[in-house]
Amino acid sequence: WTCPRCRGQGLAEALLQRLIRSTGKDIVLHVHQDNPATKLYEKLGF
């Protein structure tokens, strides 16, 4: 989640990158096919 006023600043991406760096496990999530956040997840390698 990101506050609507703060979107476009890369905050969620930075948190996800922190999470990725913190673990060697596979990371799984569910997302609606129309959710624009899908582009971010694909950018990160999902």
ModelCIF file with pLDDT and N, C-alpha, C, O atoms, coordinates in Angstrom:
data_MODEL
#
_entry.id   MODEL 
#
_entity.id                         1 
_entity.type                       polymer 
_entity.pdbx_number_of_molecules   1 
#
_entity_poly.entity_id                      1 
_entity_poly.type                           'polypeptide(L)' 
_entity_poly.nstd_linkage                   no 
_entity_poly.nstd_monomer                   no 
_entity_poly.pdbx_seq_one_letter_code       WTCPRCRGQGLAEALLQRLIRSTGKDIVLHVHQDNPATKLYEKLGF 
_entity_poly.pdbx_seq_one_letter_code_can   WTCPRCRGQGLAEALLQRLIRSTGKDIVLHVHQDNPATKLYEKLGF 
_entity_poly.pdbx_strand_id                 A 
#
loop_
_entity_poly_seq.entity_id 
_entity_poly_seq.num 
_entity_poly_seq.mon_id 
_entity_poly_seq.hetero 
1 1  TRP n 
1 2  THR n 
1 3  CYS n 
1 4  PRO n 
1 5  ARG n 
1 6  CYS n 
1 7  ARG n 
1 8  GLY n 
1 9  GLN n 
1 10 GLY n 
1 11 LEU n 
1 12 ALA n 
1 13 GLU n 
1 14 ALA n 
1 15 LEU n 
1 16 LEU n 
1 17 GLN n 
1 18 ARG n 
1 19 LEU n 
1 20 ILE n 
1 21 ARG n 
1 22 SER n 
1 23 THR n 
1 24 GLY n 
1 25 LYS n 
1 26 ASP n 
1 27 ILE n 
1 28 VAL n 
1 29 LEU n 
1 30 HIS n 
1 31 VAL n 
1 32 HIS n 
1 33 GLN n 
1 34 ASP n 
1 35 ASN n 
1 36 PRO n 
1 37 ALA n 
1 38 THR n 
1 39 LYS n 
1 40 LEU n 
1 41 TYR n 
1 42 GLU n 
1 43 LYS n 
1 44 LEU n 
1 45 GLY n 
1 46 PHE n 
#
_struct_asym.id          A 
_struct_asym.entity_id   1 
#
loop_
_ma_qa_metric.id 
_ma_qa_metric.mode 
_ma_qa_metric.name 
_ma_qa_metric.software_group_id 
_ma_qa_metric.type 
1 global pLDDT . pLDDT 
2 local  pLDDT . pLDDT 
#
_ma_qa_metric_global.metric_id      1 
_ma_qa_metric_global.metric_value   94.26 
_ma_qa_metric_global.model_id       1 
_ma_qa_metric_global.ordinal_id     1 
#
loop_
_ma_qa_metric_local.label_asym_id 
_ma_qa_metric_local.label_comp_id 
_ma_qa_metric_local.label_seq_id 
_ma_qa_metric_local.metric_id 
_ma_qa_metric_local.metric_value 
_ma_qa_metric_local.model_id 
_ma_qa_metric_local.ordinal_id 
A TRP 1  2 97.00 1 1  
A THR 2  2 97.00 1 2  
A CYS 3  2 95.00 1 3  
A PRO 4  2 94.00 1 4  
A ARG 5  2 93.00 1 5  
A CYS 6  2 94.00 1 6  
A ARG 7  2 93.00 1 7  
A GLY 8  2 93.00 1 8  
A GLN 9  2 95.00 1 9  
A GLY 10 2 96.00 1 10 
A LEU 11 2 97.00 1 11 
A ALA 12 2 97.00 1 12 
A GLU 13 2 97.00 1 13 
A ALA 14 2 97.00 1 14 
A LEU 15 2 97.00 1 15 
A LEU 16 2 97.00 1 16 
A GLN 17 2 95.00 1 17 
A ARG 18 2 95.00 1 18 
A LEU 19 2 96.00 1 19 
A ILE 20 2 93.00 1 20 
A ARG 21 2 89.00 1 21 
A SER 22 2 91.00 1 22 
A THR 23 2 90.00 1 23 
A GLY 24 2 89.00 1 24 
A LYS 25 2 91.00 1 25 
A ASP 26 2 93.00 1 26 
A ILE 27 2 96.00 1 27 
A VAL 28 2 97.00 1 28 
A LEU 29 2 97.00 1 29 
A HIS 30 2 96.00 1 30 
A VAL 31 2 96.00 1 31 
A HIS 32 2 95.00 1 32 
A GLN 33 2 94.00 1 33 
A ASP 34 2 94.00 1 34 
A ASN 35 2 95.00 1 35 
A PRO 36 2 94.00 1 36 
A ALA 37 2 95.00 1 37 
A THR 38 2 95.00 1 38 
A LYS 39 2 95.00 1 39 
A LEU 40 2 96.00 1 40 
A TYR 41 2 96.00 1 41 
A GLU 42 2 93.00 1 42 
A LYS 43 2 90.00 1 43 
A LEU 44 2 92.00 1 44 
A GLY 45 2 87.00 1 45 
A PHE 46 2 92.00 1 46 
#
loop_
_atom_site.group_PDB 
_atom_site.id 
_atom_site.type_symbol 
_atom_site.label_atom_id 
_atom_site.label_alt_id 
_atom_site.label_comp_id 
_atom_site.label_asym_id 
_atom_site.label_entity_id 
_atom_site.label_seq_id 
_atom_site.pdbx_PDB_ins_code 
_atom_site.Cartn_x 
_atom_site.Cartn_y 
_atom_site.Cartn_z 
_atom_site.occupancy 
_atom_site.B_iso_or_equiv 
_atom_site.pdbx_formal_charge 
_atom_site.auth_seq_id 
_atom_site.auth_comp_id 
_atom_site.auth_asym_id 
_atom_site.auth_atom_id 
_atom_site.pdbx_PDB_model_num 
ATOM 1   N N  . TRP A 1 1  ? 0.844  -1.204  0.000   1.00 97.00 ? 1  TRP A N  1 
ATOM 2   C CA . TRP A 1 1  ? 0.000  0.000   0.000   1.00 97.00 ? 1  TRP A CA 1 
ATOM 3   C C  . TRP A 1 1  ? 0.871  1.242   0.000   1.00 97.00 ? 1  TRP A C  1 
ATOM 4   O O  . TRP A 1 1  ? 1.925  1.274   0.634   1.00 97.00 ? 1  TRP A O  1 
ATOM 5   N N  . THR A 1 2  ? 0.416  2.279   -0.727  1.00 97.00 ? 2  THR A N  1 
ATOM 6   C CA . THR A 1 2  ? 1.053  3.592   -0.706  1.00 97.00 ? 2  THR A CA 1 
ATOM 7   C C  . THR A 1 2  ? -0.023 4.661   -0.609  1.00 97.00 ? 2  THR A C  1 
ATOM 8   O O  . THR A 1 2  ? -1.051 4.585   -1.283  1.00 97.00 ? 2  THR A O  1 
ATOM 9   N N  . CYS A 1 3  ? 0.217  5.645   0.222   1.00 95.00 ? 3  CYS A N  1 
ATOM 10  C CA . CYS A 1 3  ? -0.699 6.770   0.361   1.00 95.00 ? 3  CYS A CA 1 
ATOM 11  C C  . CYS A 1 3  ? -0.909 7.431   -1.007  1.00 95.00 ? 3  CYS A C  1 
ATOM 12  O O  . CYS A 1 3  ? 0.067  7.679   -1.714  1.00 95.00 ? 3  CYS A O  1 
ATOM 13  N N  . PRO A 1 4  ? -2.153 7.720   -1.396  1.00 94.00 ? 4  PRO A N  1 
ATOM 14  C CA . PRO A 1 4  ? -2.407 8.312   -2.719  1.00 94.00 ? 4  PRO A CA 1 
ATOM 15  C C  . PRO A 1 4  ? -1.575 9.552   -2.999  1.00 94.00 ? 4  PRO A C  1 
ATOM 16  O O  . PRO A 1 4  ? -1.175 9.769   -4.143  1.00 94.00 ? 4  PRO A O  1 
ATOM 17  N N  . ARG A 1 5  ? -1.299 10.378  -1.984  1.00 93.00 ? 5  ARG A N  1 
ATOM 18  C CA . ARG A 1 5  ? -0.517 11.600  -2.198  1.00 93.00 ? 5  ARG A CA 1 
ATOM 19  C C  . ARG A 1 5  ? 0.954  11.313  -2.458  1.00 93.00 ? 5  ARG A C  1 
ATOM 20  O O  . ARG A 1 5  ? 1.681  12.169  -2.962  1.00 93.00 ? 5  ARG A O  1 
ATOM 21  N N  . CYS A 1 6  ? 1.392  10.102  -2.110  1.00 94.00 ? 6  CYS A N  1 
ATOM 22  C CA . CYS A 1 6  ? 2.823  9.766   -2.204  1.00 94.00 ? 6  CYS A CA 1 
ATOM 23  C C  . CYS A 1 6  ? 3.141  8.844   -3.375  1.00 94.00 ? 6  CYS A C  1 
ATOM 24  O O  . CYS A 1 6  ? 4.286  8.426   -3.543  1.00 94.00 ? 6  CYS A O  1 
ATOM 25  N N  . ARG A 1 7  ? 2.147  8.530   -4.174  1.00 93.00 ? 7  ARG A N  1 
ATOM 26  C CA . ARG A 1 7  ? 2.389  7.610   -5.283  1.00 93.00 ? 7  ARG A CA 1 
ATOM 27  C C  . ARG A 1 7  ? 3.289  8.253   -6.331  1.00 93.00 ? 7  ARG A C  1 
ATOM 28  O O  . ARG A 1 7  ? 3.278  9.469   -6.517  1.00 93.00 ? 7  ARG A O  1 
ATOM 29  N N  . GLY A 1 8  ? 4.053  7.430   -7.000  1.00 93.00 ? 8  GLY A N  1 
ATOM 30  C CA . GLY A 1 8  ? 4.974  7.918   -8.015  1.00 93.00 ? 8  GLY A CA 1 
ATOM 31  C C  . GLY A 1 8  ? 6.335  8.310   -7.476  1.00 93.00 ? 8  GLY A C  1 
ATOM 32  O O  . GLY A 1 8  ? 7.188  8.771   -8.234  1.00 93.00 ? 8  GLY A O  1 
ATOM 33  N N  . GLN A 1 9  ? 6.559  8.133   -6.166  1.00 95.00 ? 9  GLN A N  1 
ATOM 34  C CA . GLN A 1 9  ? 7.837  8.494   -5.557  1.00 95.00 ? 9  GLN A CA 1 
ATOM 35  C C  . GLN A 1 9  ? 8.752  7.296   -5.341  1.00 95.00 ? 9  GLN A C  1 
ATOM 36  O O  . GLN A 1 9  ? 9.866  7.452   -4.840  1.00 95.00 ? 9  GLN A O  1 
ATOM 37  N N  . GLY A 1 10 ? 8.294  6.092   -5.717  1.00 96.00 ? 10 GLY A N  1 
ATOM 38  C CA . GLY A 1 10 ? 9.115  4.896   -5.581  1.00 96.00 ? 10 GLY A CA 1 
ATOM 39  C C  . GLY A 1 10 ? 9.175  4.333   -4.175  1.00 96.00 ? 10 GLY A C  1 
ATOM 40  O O  . GLY A 1 10 ? 10.074 3.551   -3.864  1.00 96.00 ? 10 GLY A O  1 
ATOM 41  N N  . LEU A 1 11 ? 8.227  4.718   -3.312  1.00 97.00 ? 11 LEU A N  1 
ATOM 42  C CA . LEU A 1 11 ? 8.273  4.262   -1.922  1.00 97.00 ? 11 LEU A CA 1 
ATOM 43  C C  . LEU A 1 11 ? 8.029  2.760   -1.805  1.00 97.00 ? 11 LEU A C  1 
ATOM 44  O O  . LEU A 1 11 ? 8.763  2.061   -1.107  1.00 97.00 ? 11 LEU A O  1 
ATOM 45  N N  . ALA A 1 12 ? 6.992  2.265   -2.490  1.00 97.00 ? 12 ALA A N  1 
ATOM 46  C CA . ALA A 1 12 ? 6.698  0.835   -2.429  1.00 97.00 ? 12 ALA A CA 1 
ATOM 47  C C  . ALA A 1 12 ? 7.830  0.032   -3.058  1.00 97.00 ? 12 ALA A C  1 
ATOM 48  O O  . ALA A 1 12 ? 8.199  -1.026  -2.549  1.00 97.00 ? 12 ALA A O  1 
ATOM 49  N N  . GLU A 1 13 ? 8.379  0.524   -4.154  1.00 97.00 ? 13 GLU A N  1 
ATOM 50  C CA . GLU A 1 13 ? 9.498  -0.172  -4.797  1.00 97.00 ? 13 GLU A CA 1 
ATOM 51  C C  . GLU A 1 13 ? 10.683 -0.279  -3.847  1.00 97.00 ? 13 GLU A C  1 
ATOM 52  O O  . GLU A 1 13 ? 11.320 -1.329  -3.764  1.00 97.00 ? 13 GLU A O  1 
ATOM 53  N N  . ALA A 1 14 ? 10.981 0.796   -3.133  1.00 97.00 ? 14 ALA A N  1 
ATOM 54  C CA . ALA A 1 14 ? 12.107 0.776   -2.199  1.00 97.00 ? 14 ALA A CA 1 
ATOM 55  C C  . ALA A 1 14 ? 11.872 -0.237  -1.082  1.00 97.00 ? 14 ALA A C  1 
ATOM 56  O O  . ALA A 1 14 ? 12.800 -0.938  -0.679  1.00 97.00 ? 14 ALA A O  1 
ATOM 57  N N  . LEU A 1 15 ? 10.643 -0.319  -0.580  1.00 97.00 ? 15 LEU A N  1 
ATOM 58  C CA . LEU A 1 15 ? 10.341 -1.294  0.472   1.00 97.00 ? 15 LEU A CA 1 
ATOM 59  C C  . LEU A 1 15 ? 10.455 -2.719  -0.051  1.00 97.00 ? 15 LEU A C  1 
ATOM 60  O O  . LEU A 1 15 ? 10.995 -3.590  0.632   1.00 97.00 ? 15 LEU A O  1 
ATOM 61  N N  . LEU A 1 16 ? 9.953  -2.961  -1.248  1.00 97.00 ? 16 LEU A N  1 
ATOM 62  C CA . LEU A 1 16 ? 10.048 -4.302  -1.823  1.00 97.00 ? 16 LEU A CA 1 
ATOM 63  C C  . LEU A 1 16 ? 11.500 -4.686  -2.083  1.00 97.00 ? 16 LEU A C  1 
ATOM 64  O O  . LEU A 1 16 ? 11.881 -5.840  -1.889  1.00 97.00 ? 16 LEU A O  1 
ATOM 65  N N  . GLN A 1 17 ? 12.305 -3.734  -2.518  1.00 95.00 ? 17 GLN A N  1 
ATOM 66  C CA . GLN A 1 17 ? 13.723 -4.027  -2.722  1.00 95.00 ? 17 GLN A CA 1 
ATOM 67  C C  . GLN A 1 17 ? 14.408 -4.362  -1.402  1.00 95.00 ? 17 GLN A C  1 
ATOM 68  O O  . GLN A 1 17 ? 15.273 -5.237  -1.354  1.00 95.00 ? 17 GLN A O  1 
ATOM 69  N N  . ARG A 1 18 ? 14.029 -3.674  -0.341  1.00 95.00 ? 18 ARG A N  1 
ATOM 70  C CA . ARG A 1 18 ? 14.554 -4.017  0.988   1.00 95.00 ? 18 ARG A CA 1 
ATOM 71  C C  . ARG A 1 18 ? 14.174 -5.436  1.371   1.00 95.00 ? 18 ARG A C  1 
ATOM 72  O O  . ARG A 1 18 ? 14.987 -6.188  1.910   1.00 95.00 ? 18 ARG A O  1 
ATOM 73  N N  . LEU A 1 19 ? 12.929 -5.792  1.086   1.00 96.00 ? 19 LEU A N  1 
ATOM 74  C CA . LEU A 1 19 ? 12.459 -7.132  1.411   1.00 96.00 ? 19 LEU A CA 1 
ATOM 75  C C  . LEU A 1 19 ? 13.229 -8.177  0.609   1.00 96.00 ? 19 LEU A C  1 
ATOM 76  O O  . LEU A 1 19 ? 13.635 -9.207  1.148   1.00 96.00 ? 19 LEU A O  1 
ATOM 77  N N  . ILE A 1 20 ? 13.427 -7.910  -0.667  1.00 93.00 ? 20 ILE A N  1 
ATOM 78  C CA . ILE A 1 20 ? 14.152 -8.849  -1.531  1.00 93.00 ? 20 ILE A CA 1 
ATOM 79  C C  . ILE A 1 20 ? 15.579 -9.052  -1.030  1.00 93.00 ? 20 ILE A C  1 
ATOM 80  O O  . ILE A 1 20 ? 16.086 -10.174 -1.004  1.00 93.00 ? 20 ILE A O  1 
ATOM 81  N N  . ARG A 1 21 ? 16.218 -7.959  -0.634  1.00 89.00 ? 21 ARG A N  1 
ATOM 82  C CA . ARG A 1 21 ? 17.598 -8.058  -0.156  1.00 89.00 ? 21 ARG A CA 1 
ATOM 83  C C  . ARG A 1 21 ? 17.706 -8.795  1.173   1.00 89.00 ? 21 ARG A C  1 
ATOM 84  O O  . ARG A 1 21 ? 18.776 -9.297  1.520   1.00 89.00 ? 21 ARG A O  1 
ATOM 85  N N  . SER A 1 22 ? 16.614 -8.863  1.911   1.00 91.00 ? 22 SER A N  1 
ATOM 86  C CA . SER A 1 22 ? 16.657 -9.423  3.261   1.00 91.00 ? 22 SER A CA 1 
ATOM 87  C C  . SER A 1 22 ? 16.504 -10.930 3.296   1.00 91.00 ? 22 SER A C  1 
ATOM 88  O O  . SER A 1 22 ? 16.697 -11.532 4.352   1.00 91.00 ? 22 SER A O  1 
ATOM 89  N N  . THR A 1 23 ? 16.164 -11.564 2.181   1.00 90.00 ? 23 THR A N  1 
ATOM 90  C CA . THR A 1 23 ? 15.858 -12.990 2.207   1.00 90.00 ? 23 THR A CA 1 
ATOM 91  C C  . THR A 1 23 ? 16.366 -13.693 0.962   1.00 90.00 ? 23 THR A C  1 
ATOM 92  O O  . THR A 1 23 ? 16.527 -13.081 -0.094  1.00 90.00 ? 23 THR A O  1 
ATOM 93  N N  . GLY A 1 24 ? 16.617 -14.982 1.103   1.00 89.00 ? 24 GLY A N  1 
ATOM 94  C CA . GLY A 1 24 ? 16.942 -15.812 -0.051  1.00 89.00 ? 24 GLY A CA 1 
ATOM 95  C C  . GLY A 1 24 ? 15.768 -16.662 -0.487  1.00 89.00 ? 24 GLY A C  1 
ATOM 96  O O  . GLY A 1 24 ? 15.880 -17.440 -1.435  1.00 89.00 ? 24 GLY A O  1 
ATOM 97  N N  . LYS A 1 25 ? 14.634 -16.520 0.200   1.00 91.00 ? 25 LYS A N  1 
ATOM 98  C CA . LYS A 1 25 ? 13.446 -17.302 -0.141  1.00 91.00 ? 25 LYS A CA 1 
ATOM 99  C C  . LYS A 1 25 ? 12.771 -16.775 -1.403  1.00 91.00 ? 25 LYS A C  1 
ATOM 100 O O  . LYS A 1 25 ? 12.919 -15.604 -1.753  1.00 91.00 ? 25 LYS A O  1 
ATOM 101 N N  . ASP A 1 26 ? 12.027 -17.653 -2.086  1.00 93.00 ? 26 ASP A N  1 
ATOM 102 C CA . ASP A 1 26 ? 11.122 -17.185 -3.130  1.00 93.00 ? 26 ASP A CA 1 
ATOM 103 C C  . ASP A 1 26 ? 10.099 -16.258 -2.483  1.00 93.00 ? 26 ASP A C  1 
ATOM 104 O O  . ASP A 1 26 ? 9.727  -16.444 -1.325  1.00 93.00 ? 26 ASP A O  1 
ATOM 105 N N  . ILE A 1 27 ? 9.647  -15.257 -3.240  1.00 96.00 ? 27 ILE A N  1 
ATOM 106 C CA . ILE A 1 27 ? 8.634  -14.324 -2.751  1.00 96.00 ? 27 ILE A CA 1 
ATOM 107 C C  . ILE A 1 27 ? 7.412  -14.451 -3.648  1.00 96.00 ? 27 ILE A C  1 
ATOM 108 O O  . ILE A 1 27 ? 7.525  -14.367 -4.871  1.00 96.00 ? 27 ILE A O  1 
ATOM 109 N N  . VAL A 1 28 ? 6.249  -14.653 -3.050  1.00 97.00 ? 28 VAL A N  1 
ATOM 110 C CA . VAL A 1 28 ? 5.000  -14.874 -3.780  1.00 97.00 ? 28 VAL A CA 1 
ATOM 111 C C  . VAL A 1 28 ? 3.987  -13.822 -3.370  1.00 97.00 ? 28 VAL A C  1 
ATOM 112 O O  . VAL A 1 28 ? 3.931  -13.417 -2.209  1.00 97.00 ? 28 VAL A O  1 
ATOM 113 N N  . LEU A 1 29 ? 3.181  -13.379 -4.337  1.00 97.00 ? 29 LEU A N  1 
ATOM 114 C CA . LEU A 1 29 ? 2.073  -12.484 -4.028  1.00 97.00 ? 29 LEU A CA 1 
ATOM 115 C C  . LEU A 1 29 ? 0.944  -12.717 -5.018  1.00 97.00 ? 29 LEU A C  1 
ATOM 116 O O  . LEU A 1 29 ? 1.158  -13.267 -6.099  1.00 97.00 ? 29 LEU A O  1 
ATOM 117 N N  . HIS A 1 30 ? -0.253 -12.298 -4.647  1.00 96.00 ? 30 HIS A N  1 
ATOM 118 C CA . HIS A 1 30 ? -1.420 -12.355 -5.523  1.00 96.00 ? 30 HIS A CA 1 
ATOM 119 C C  . HIS A 1 30 ? -1.794 -10.938 -5.923  1.00 96.00 ? 30 HIS A C  1 
ATOM 120 O O  . HIS A 1 30 ? -1.741 -10.024 -5.099  1.00 96.00 ? 30 HIS A O  1 
ATOM 121 N N  . VAL A 1 31 ? -2.171 -10.749 -7.183  1.00 96.00 ? 31 VAL A N  1 
ATOM 122 C CA . VAL A 1 31 ? -2.504 -9.417  -7.660  1.00 96.00 ? 31 VAL A CA 1 
ATOM 123 C C  . VAL A 1 31 ? -3.609 -9.508  -8.700  1.00 96.00 ? 31 VAL A C  1 
ATOM 124 O O  . VAL A 1 31 ? -3.639 -10.446 -9.496  1.00 96.00 ? 31 VAL A O  1 
ATOM 125 N N  . HIS A 1 32 ? -4.516 -8.539  -8.698  1.00 95.00 ? 32 HIS A N  1 
ATOM 126 C CA . HIS A 1 32 ? -5.560 -8.473  -9.712  1.00 95.00 ? 32 HIS A CA 1 
ATOM 127 C C  . HIS A 1 32 ? -4.930 -8.151  -11.060 1.00 95.00 ? 32 HIS A C  1 
ATOM 128 O O  . HIS A 1 32 ? -4.014 -7.333  -11.143 1.00 95.00 ? 32 HIS A O  1 
ATOM 129 N N  . GLN A 1 33 ? -5.414 -8.787  -12.099 1.00 94.00 ? 33 GLN A N  1 
ATOM 130 C CA . GLN A 1 33 ? -4.799 -8.628  -13.423 1.00 94.00 ? 33 GLN A CA 1 
ATOM 131 C C  . GLN A 1 33 ? -4.839 -7.188  -13.933 1.00 94.00 ? 33 GLN A C  1 
ATOM 132 O O  . GLN A 1 33 ? -4.039 -6.820  -14.794 1.00 94.00 ? 33 GLN A O  1 
ATOM 133 N N  . ASP A 1 34 ? -5.755 -6.370  -13.417 1.00 94.00 ? 34 ASP A N  1 
ATOM 134 C CA . ASP A 1 34 ? -5.848 -4.976  -13.858 1.00 94.00 ? 34 ASP A CA 1 
ATOM 135 C C  . ASP A 1 34 ? -5.139 -3.997  -12.921 1.00 94.00 ? 34 ASP A C  1 
ATOM 136 O O  . ASP A 1 34 ? -5.152 -2.788  -13.152 1.00 94.00 ? 34 ASP A O  1 
ATOM 137 N N  . ASN A 1 35 ? -4.533 -4.516  -11.883 1.00 95.00 ? 35 ASN A N  1 
ATOM 138 C CA . ASN A 1 35 ? -3.868 -3.645  -10.923 1.00 95.00 ? 35 ASN A CA 1 
ATOM 139 C C  . ASN A 1 35 ? -2.613 -3.045  -11.559 1.00 95.00 ? 35 ASN A C  1 
ATOM 140 O O  . ASN A 1 35 ? -1.743 -3.800  -11.993 1.00 95.00 ? 35 ASN A O  1 
ATOM 141 N N  . PRO A 1 36 ? -2.486 -1.720  -11.631 1.00 94.00 ? 36 PRO A N  1 
ATOM 142 C CA . PRO A 1 36 ? -1.291 -1.110  -12.240 1.00 94.00 ? 36 PRO A CA 1 
ATOM 143 C C  . PRO A 1 36 ? 0.003  -1.453  -11.522 1.00 94.00 ? 36 PRO A C  1 
ATOM 144 O O  . PRO A 1 36 ? 1.083  -1.295  -12.091 1.00 94.00 ? 36 PRO A O  1 
ATOM 145 N N  . ALA A 1 37 ? -0.087 -1.921  -10.275 1.00 95.00 ? 37 ALA A N  1 
ATOM 146 C CA . ALA A 1 37 ? 1.123  -2.299  -9.539  1.00 95.00 ? 37 ALA A CA 1 
ATOM 147 C C  . ALA A 1 37 ? 1.815  -3.499  -10.172 1.00 95.00 ? 37 ALA A C  1 
ATOM 148 O O  . ALA A 1 37 ? 2.979  -3.775  -9.880  1.00 95.00 ? 37 ALA A O  1 
ATOM 149 N N  . THR A 1 38 ? 1.094  -4.219  -11.046 1.00 95.00 ? 38 THR A N  1 
ATOM 150 C CA . THR A 1 38 ? 1.699  -5.372  -11.724 1.00 95.00 ? 38 THR A CA 1 
ATOM 151 C C  . THR A 1 38 ? 2.972  -4.977  -12.464 1.00 95.00 ? 38 THR A C  1 
ATOM 152 O O  . THR A 1 38 ? 3.930  -5.749  -12.513 1.00 95.00 ? 38 THR A O  1 
ATOM 153 N N  . LYS A 1 39 ? 2.983  -3.779  -13.037 1.00 95.00 ? 39 LYS A N  1 
ATOM 154 C CA . LYS A 1 39 ? 4.181  -3.322  -13.762 1.00 95.00 ? 39 LYS A CA 1 
ATOM 155 C C  . LYS A 1 39 ? 5.381  -3.211  -12.829 1.00 95.00 ? 39 LYS A C  1 
ATOM 156 O O  . LYS A 1 39 ? 6.503  -3.535  -13.216 1.00 95.00 ? 39 LYS A O  1 
ATOM 157 N N  . LEU A 1 40 ? 5.147  -2.756  -11.607 1.00 96.00 ? 40 LEU A N  1 
ATOM 158 C CA . LEU A 1 40 ? 6.230  -2.657  -10.630 1.00 96.00 ? 40 LEU A CA 1 
ATOM 159 C C  . LEU A 1 40 ? 6.756  -4.049  -10.298 1.00 96.00 ? 40 LEU A C  1 
ATOM 160 O O  . LEU A 1 40 ? 7.967  -4.265  -10.256 1.00 96.00 ? 40 LEU A O  1 
ATOM 161 N N  . TYR A 1 41 ? 5.837  -5.002  -10.060 1.00 96.00 ? 41 TYR A N  1 
ATOM 162 C CA . TYR A 1 41 ? 6.272  -6.347  -9.703  1.00 96.00 ? 41 TYR A CA 1 
ATOM 163 C C  . TYR A 1 41 ? 7.078  -6.987  -10.843 1.00 96.00 ? 41 TYR A C  1 
ATOM 164 O O  . TYR A 1 41 ? 8.078  -7.663  -10.601 1.00 96.00 ? 41 TYR A O  1 
ATOM 165 N N  . GLU A 1 42 ? 6.639  -6.772  -12.062 1.00 93.00 ? 42 GLU A N  1 
ATOM 166 C CA . GLU A 1 42 ? 7.379  -7.324  -13.198 1.00 93.00 ? 42 GLU A CA 1 
ATOM 167 C C  . GLU A 1 42 ? 8.747  -6.670  -13.325 1.00 93.00 ? 42 GLU A C  1 
ATOM 168 O O  . GLU A 1 42 ? 9.724  -7.336  -13.667 1.00 93.00 ? 42 GLU A O  1 
ATOM 169 N N  . LYS A 1 43 ? 8.822  -5.381  -13.055 1.00 90.00 ? 43 LYS A N  1 
ATOM 170 C CA . LYS A 1 43 ? 10.098 -4.675  -13.080 1.00 90.00 ? 43 LYS A CA 1 
ATOM 171 C C  . LYS A 1 43 ? 11.074 -5.275  -12.072 1.00 90.00 ? 43 LYS A C  1 
ATOM 172 O O  . LYS A 1 43 ? 12.276 -5.348  -12.328 1.00 90.00 ? 43 LYS A O  1 
ATOM 173 N N  . LEU A 1 44 ? 10.558 -5.698  -10.939 1.00 92.00 ? 44 LEU A N  1 
ATOM 174 C CA . LEU A 1 44 ? 11.395 -6.269  -9.892  1.00 92.00 ? 44 LEU A CA 1 
ATOM 175 C C  . LEU A 1 44 ? 11.738 -7.731  -10.147 1.00 92.00 ? 44 LEU A C  1 
ATOM 176 O O  . LEU A 1 44 ? 12.509 -8.328  -9.396  1.00 92.00 ? 44 LEU A O  1 
ATOM 177 N N  . GLY A 1 45 ? 11.170 -8.310  -11.202 1.00 87.00 ? 45 GLY A N  1 
ATOM 178 C CA . GLY A 1 45 ? 11.522 -9.678  -11.567 1.00 87.00 ? 45 GLY A CA 1 
ATOM 179 C C  . GLY A 1 45 ? 10.481 -10.727 -11.252 1.00 87.00 ? 45 GLY A C  1 
ATOM 180 O O  . GLY A 1 45 ? 10.739 -11.916 -11.437 1.00 87.00 ? 45 GLY A O  1 
ATOM 181 N N  . PHE A 1 46 ? 9.295  -10.321 -10.775 1.00 92.00 ? 46 PHE A N  1 
ATOM 182 C CA . PHE A 1 46 ? 8.231  -11.289 -10.507 1.00 92.00 ? 46 PHE A CA 1 
ATOM 183 C C  . PHE A 1 46 ? 7.695  -11.837 -11.829 1.00 92.00 ? 46 PHE A C  1 
ATOM 184 O O  . PHE A 1 46 ? 6.789  -12.671 -11.830 1.00 92.00 ? 46 PHE A O  1 
#
